[in-house]
N, C-alpha and C. Protein backbone atom coordinates (compact mmCIF):
# COMPACT_ATOMS: atom_id res chain seq x y z
N UNK A 1 -47.83 -174.30 -82.80
CA UNK A 1 -46.24 -173.96 -82.93
C UNK A 1 -45.05 -175.06 -81.98
N UNK A 2 -44.18 -175.86 -82.78
CA UNK A 2 -43.45 -177.10 -82.96
C UNK A 2 -42.11 -176.13 -81.89
N UNK A 3 -41.11 -176.57 -80.94
CA UNK A 3 -39.89 -175.80 -80.11
C UNK A 3 -38.96 -176.14 -80.83
N UNK A 4 -39.31 -176.33 -82.71
CA UNK A 4 -38.39 -176.20 -83.81
C UNK A 4 -38.47 -175.04 -84.23
N UNK A 5 -39.92 -174.44 -84.13
CA UNK A 5 -39.43 -173.11 -84.99
C UNK A 5 -40.61 -173.48 -85.87
N UNK A 6 -40.86 -172.67 -87.51
CA UNK A 6 -41.62 -172.95 -88.43
C UNK A 6 -40.41 -174.06 -89.88
N UNK A 7 -41.09 -174.54 -90.01
CA UNK A 7 -40.15 -175.32 -90.72
C UNK A 7 -40.17 -174.12 -92.26
N UNK A 8 -38.57 -174.54 -93.22
CA UNK A 8 -38.06 -174.06 -93.44
C UNK A 8 -39.48 -173.22 -94.74
N UNK A 9 -39.17 -172.30 -95.57
CA UNK A 9 -39.68 -172.39 -97.60
C UNK A 9 -39.98 -172.52 -97.77
N UNK A 10 -41.54 -173.09 -98.52
CA UNK A 10 -40.39 -174.41 -99.92
C UNK A 10 -39.61 -173.03 -100.67
N UNK A 11 -38.63 -173.56 -101.71
CA UNK A 11 -38.31 -172.46 -102.82
C UNK A 11 -39.52 -172.18 -103.60
N UNK A 12 -39.37 -170.89 -103.74
CA UNK A 12 -39.77 -171.04 -104.67
C UNK A 12 -39.54 -169.75 -106.02
N UNK A 13 -37.77 -169.38 -105.49
CA UNK A 13 -37.05 -168.68 -106.26
C UNK A 13 -36.65 -169.57 -107.80
N UNK A 14 -36.92 -169.47 -109.12
CA UNK A 14 -36.94 -169.74 -109.76
C UNK A 14 -35.25 -170.23 -109.90
N UNK A 15 -35.61 -171.58 -111.16
CA UNK A 15 -34.11 -172.52 -110.44
C UNK A 15 -34.20 -171.74 -112.25
N UNK A 16 -32.85 -172.03 -113.12
CA UNK A 16 -32.55 -171.65 -113.99
C UNK A 16 -32.20 -173.27 -114.28
N UNK A 17 -32.56 -173.14 -115.97
CA UNK A 17 -32.45 -174.12 -117.00
C UNK A 17 -31.59 -174.60 -117.15
N UNK A 18 -31.53 -175.94 -117.12
CA UNK A 18 -30.18 -176.32 -117.51
C UNK A 18 -30.06 -177.24 -118.52
N UNK A 19 -30.85 -176.49 -118.84
CA UNK A 19 -30.22 -176.98 -120.80
C UNK A 19 -29.19 -175.72 -121.02
N UNK A 20 -29.86 -174.95 -120.33
CA UNK A 20 -28.74 -173.08 -120.52
C UNK A 20 -27.16 -173.50 -120.50
N UNK A 21 -27.61 -173.63 -119.03
CA UNK A 21 -26.59 -174.30 -117.77
C UNK A 21 -25.74 -174.59 -119.62
N UNK A 22 -25.69 -175.89 -120.30
CA UNK A 22 -24.63 -177.51 -120.14
C UNK A 22 -24.42 -176.42 -122.04
N UNK A 23 -25.98 -174.76 -122.68
CA UNK A 23 -24.74 -175.26 -123.71
C UNK A 23 -23.84 -173.52 -123.19
N UNK A 24 -24.51 -172.90 -122.55
CA UNK A 24 -23.12 -172.37 -122.02
C UNK A 24 -21.94 -173.23 -121.59
N UNK A 25 -22.01 -173.98 -121.13
CA UNK A 25 -20.84 -174.49 -121.05
C UNK A 25 -20.35 -175.46 -122.22
N UNK A 26 -21.12 -175.48 -122.78
CA UNK A 26 -20.41 -176.69 -124.28
C UNK A 26 -19.78 -175.02 -125.02
N UNK A 27 -20.29 -174.80 -125.34
CA UNK A 27 -20.08 -172.91 -125.51
C UNK A 27 -18.66 -172.11 -124.86
N UNK A 28 -18.22 -172.12 -123.34
CA UNK A 28 -17.01 -171.86 -122.55
C UNK A 28 -16.47 -172.67 -123.04
N UNK A 29 -15.84 -174.40 -123.19
CA UNK A 29 -15.03 -174.96 -123.09
C UNK A 29 -14.90 -175.43 -124.62
N UNK A 30 -15.95 -175.28 -126.18
CA UNK A 30 -15.45 -175.72 -126.91
C UNK A 30 -14.87 -174.66 -127.98
N UNK A 31 -14.59 -173.13 -127.36
CA UNK A 31 -13.44 -172.48 -127.36
C UNK A 31 -12.21 -172.10 -127.71
N UNK A 32 -12.26 -173.06 -126.10
CA UNK A 32 -10.08 -174.15 -126.03
C UNK A 32 -9.84 -175.73 -126.69
N UNK A 33 -11.58 -176.26 -126.82
CA UNK A 33 -11.05 -177.48 -127.42
C UNK A 33 -12.50 -178.09 -127.63
N UNK A 34 -12.88 -178.87 -128.53
CA UNK A 34 -13.36 -180.06 -129.73
C UNK A 34 -14.60 -179.07 -130.10
N UNK A 35 -13.62 -177.59 -129.91
CA UNK A 35 -15.38 -177.47 -131.06
C UNK A 35 -16.05 -177.31 -132.38
N UNK A 36 -15.63 -178.14 -133.08
CA UNK A 36 -16.36 -179.03 -134.11
C UNK A 36 -17.87 -179.43 -133.84
N UNK A 37 -16.95 -180.02 -132.01
CA UNK A 37 -18.03 -180.96 -131.36
C UNK A 37 -19.00 -179.85 -130.18
N UNK A 38 -18.58 -179.36 -130.01
CA UNK A 38 -18.90 -178.10 -128.38
C UNK A 38 -20.07 -177.33 -128.68
N UNK A 39 -19.24 -177.48 -130.13
CA UNK A 39 -20.40 -175.92 -131.05
C UNK A 39 -21.23 -176.27 -131.23
N UNK A 40 -22.07 -177.24 -131.82
CA UNK A 40 -22.88 -177.15 -132.24
C UNK A 40 -23.93 -177.53 -131.13
N UNK A 41 -23.32 -178.72 -130.35
CA UNK A 41 -24.05 -178.63 -129.68
C UNK A 41 -24.37 -177.53 -128.37
N UNK A 42 -23.18 -176.40 -128.51
CA UNK A 42 -24.22 -174.99 -128.04
C UNK A 42 -25.16 -174.51 -128.95
N UNK A 43 -25.29 -174.30 -129.36
CA UNK A 43 -26.09 -174.08 -130.58
C UNK A 43 -27.46 -175.22 -130.41
N UNK A 44 -27.99 -176.11 -129.98
CA UNK A 44 -29.25 -177.35 -130.18
C UNK A 44 -29.44 -176.42 -128.85
N UNK A 45 -28.52 -176.33 -127.60
CA UNK A 45 -28.67 -176.48 -126.67
C UNK A 45 -29.31 -175.50 -125.61
N UNK A 46 -28.66 -173.73 -126.24
CA UNK A 46 -29.04 -172.57 -126.06
C UNK A 46 -30.77 -173.20 -127.09
N UNK A 47 -30.34 -173.10 -127.79
CA UNK A 47 -31.77 -172.35 -128.76
C UNK A 47 -33.01 -173.55 -128.12
N UNK A 48 -32.93 -174.99 -127.49
CA UNK A 48 -33.63 -176.05 -126.68
C UNK A 48 -33.90 -174.54 -125.56
N UNK A 49 -33.58 -174.40 -124.97
CA UNK A 49 -33.34 -173.52 -123.54
C UNK A 49 -34.53 -172.42 -123.79
N UNK A 50 -33.69 -171.86 -124.80
CA UNK A 50 -34.37 -170.88 -124.55
C UNK A 50 -36.17 -170.43 -125.65
N UNK A 51 -36.22 -171.66 -126.40
CA UNK A 51 -37.65 -172.90 -126.18
C UNK A 51 -38.77 -172.29 -124.96
N UNK A 52 -37.55 -172.73 -124.45
CA UNK A 52 -38.29 -172.87 -122.26
C UNK A 52 -38.14 -172.23 -121.23
N UNK A 53 -37.84 -170.62 -122.15
CA UNK A 53 -37.91 -169.69 -121.70
C UNK A 53 -38.35 -169.17 -120.42
N UNK A 54 -40.12 -169.43 -121.09
CA UNK A 54 -41.03 -169.05 -120.72
C UNK A 54 -41.09 -169.82 -119.13
N UNK A 55 -40.48 -171.07 -119.25
CA UNK A 55 -40.92 -171.38 -117.82
C UNK A 55 -40.00 -171.49 -116.74
N UNK A 56 -38.20 -171.39 -117.10
CA UNK A 56 -37.52 -171.69 -116.52
C UNK A 56 -36.93 -170.34 -116.35
N UNK A 57 -35.79 -169.98 -116.33
CA UNK A 57 -34.76 -169.05 -115.89
C UNK A 57 -33.64 -169.49 -116.57
N UNK A 58 -32.75 -168.73 -116.50
CA UNK A 58 -31.67 -168.65 -118.22
C UNK A 58 -31.79 -168.40 -119.10
N UNK A 59 -32.32 -167.40 -119.70
CA UNK A 59 -32.37 -166.62 -120.89
C UNK A 59 -30.99 -166.28 -121.77
N UNK A 60 -30.31 -165.88 -119.88
CA UNK A 60 -29.97 -165.13 -121.07
C UNK A 60 -28.17 -166.34 -121.35
N UNK A 61 -28.24 -166.94 -120.01
CA UNK A 61 -27.49 -168.22 -120.33
C UNK A 61 -27.24 -169.47 -121.73
N UNK A 62 -28.29 -168.92 -122.70
CA UNK A 62 -28.55 -169.02 -123.72
C UNK A 62 -28.13 -168.70 -124.54
N UNK A 63 -28.35 -167.83 -124.99
CA UNK A 63 -28.21 -166.89 -125.64
C UNK A 63 -27.09 -166.78 -126.26
N UNK A 64 -26.49 -166.33 -124.44
CA UNK A 64 -24.90 -166.72 -125.06
C UNK A 64 -24.63 -168.32 -125.04
N UNK A 65 -25.10 -169.31 -124.85
CA UNK A 65 -24.28 -170.53 -124.60
C UNK A 65 -24.87 -170.66 -126.82
N UNK A 66 -25.28 -169.84 -127.61
CA UNK A 66 -25.59 -169.82 -128.36
C UNK A 66 -25.13 -169.01 -128.87
N UNK A 67 -24.59 -167.99 -128.92
CA UNK A 67 -23.16 -167.58 -129.19
C UNK A 67 -21.80 -167.56 -129.33
N UNK A 68 -21.65 -167.80 -128.02
CA UNK A 68 -20.93 -168.59 -128.33
C UNK A 68 -21.13 -170.60 -129.18
N UNK A 69 -21.79 -171.03 -129.16
CA UNK A 69 -21.70 -172.07 -131.14
C UNK A 69 -21.05 -171.59 -131.36
N UNK A 70 -22.07 -170.11 -132.25
CA UNK A 70 -21.31 -170.10 -133.41
C UNK A 70 -19.87 -169.40 -133.63
N UNK A 71 -19.75 -168.24 -133.08
CA UNK A 71 -18.40 -168.76 -132.61
C UNK A 71 -17.06 -170.08 -132.44
N UNK A 72 -17.59 -170.84 -132.10
CA UNK A 72 -16.64 -171.92 -131.99
C UNK A 72 -16.98 -171.88 -133.50
N UNK A 73 -18.10 -172.74 -134.17
CA UNK A 73 -17.73 -172.71 -134.99
C UNK A 73 -17.09 -172.26 -136.36
N UNK A 74 -17.01 -170.60 -136.10
CA UNK A 74 -16.52 -169.70 -136.76
C UNK A 74 -15.24 -169.61 -136.48
N UNK A 75 -14.62 -170.66 -135.53
CA UNK A 75 -13.44 -170.02 -135.50
C UNK A 75 -12.62 -171.65 -136.03
N UNK A 76 -13.90 -172.94 -136.24
CA UNK A 76 -12.84 -173.82 -136.11
C UNK A 76 -12.57 -174.07 -137.80
N UNK A 77 -13.81 -172.94 -138.84
CA UNK A 77 -14.13 -173.21 -140.46
C UNK A 77 -12.62 -172.43 -140.32
N UNK A 78 -11.87 -170.65 -139.96
CA UNK A 78 -11.06 -169.79 -140.16
C UNK A 78 -9.98 -170.86 -140.09
N UNK A 79 -9.66 -171.44 -139.09
CA UNK A 79 -8.97 -172.28 -138.22
C UNK A 79 -7.97 -173.95 -139.17
N UNK A 80 -8.41 -174.90 -139.86
CA UNK A 80 -9.45 -175.77 -140.96
C UNK A 80 -8.91 -175.06 -142.21
N UNK A 81 -9.50 -173.11 -142.41
CA UNK A 81 -8.86 -172.75 -143.77
C UNK A 81 -7.59 -172.86 -143.71
N UNK A 82 -6.93 -172.15 -142.45
CA UNK A 82 -5.72 -171.68 -142.18
C UNK A 82 -4.73 -172.46 -142.49
N UNK A 83 -4.81 -173.90 -142.03
CA UNK A 83 -4.11 -175.34 -142.48
C UNK A 83 -4.36 -174.98 -143.94
N UNK A 84 -5.42 -175.73 -144.52
CA UNK A 84 -5.39 -176.49 -145.68
C UNK A 84 -4.29 -174.53 -146.28
N UNK A 85 -4.13 -173.74 -146.02
CA UNK A 85 -3.49 -172.69 -146.70
C UNK A 85 -2.24 -172.48 -146.40
N UNK A 86 -1.45 -173.67 -145.18
CA UNK A 86 0.11 -173.12 -145.13
C UNK A 86 0.14 -172.97 -143.82
N UNK A 87 -0.77 -172.30 -143.50
CA UNK A 87 -0.35 -171.99 -141.21
C UNK A 87 -0.01 -170.21 -141.99
N UNK A 88 0.06 -169.60 -141.37
CA UNK A 88 0.45 -168.24 -141.08
C UNK A 88 2.09 -168.07 -141.10
N UNK A 89 2.48 -166.95 -142.12
CA UNK A 89 3.66 -167.07 -142.12
C UNK A 89 4.42 -166.17 -141.40
N UNK A 90 4.58 -166.42 -141.41
CA UNK A 90 5.48 -165.16 -140.01
C UNK A 90 7.24 -164.43 -140.25
N UNK A 91 7.44 -164.82 -142.11
CA UNK A 91 8.67 -165.09 -142.60
C UNK A 91 7.81 -163.58 -142.50
N UNK A 92 9.41 -162.30 -142.76
CA UNK A 92 9.58 -161.10 -143.36
C UNK A 92 10.92 -161.36 -144.12
N UNK A 93 10.79 -160.75 -145.24
CA UNK A 93 11.72 -161.71 -146.15
C UNK A 93 13.15 -160.13 -146.18
N UNK A 94 13.92 -160.84 -146.81
CA UNK A 94 15.21 -159.81 -147.01
C UNK A 94 15.93 -160.06 -147.39
């Protein structure tokens, strides 16, 4: 036994998959900025993280990133359609 006690145990806890975190961050940020770029990135990172889920943690984050990426693209398409049709019209005739 050393004078300083026992050394710290090796970290045996599961580490979260970096691709799952990247997918989630891209999905969340894509809701506000650059959805046409960050949406597909969130889908790609989420899908890759789901493939690696057996080896590392982060399955929930990977699914969330994948879903948010799809939502990003849907919102982008809706915004393009609205812009192409002249935008919203709040005029109530009278």
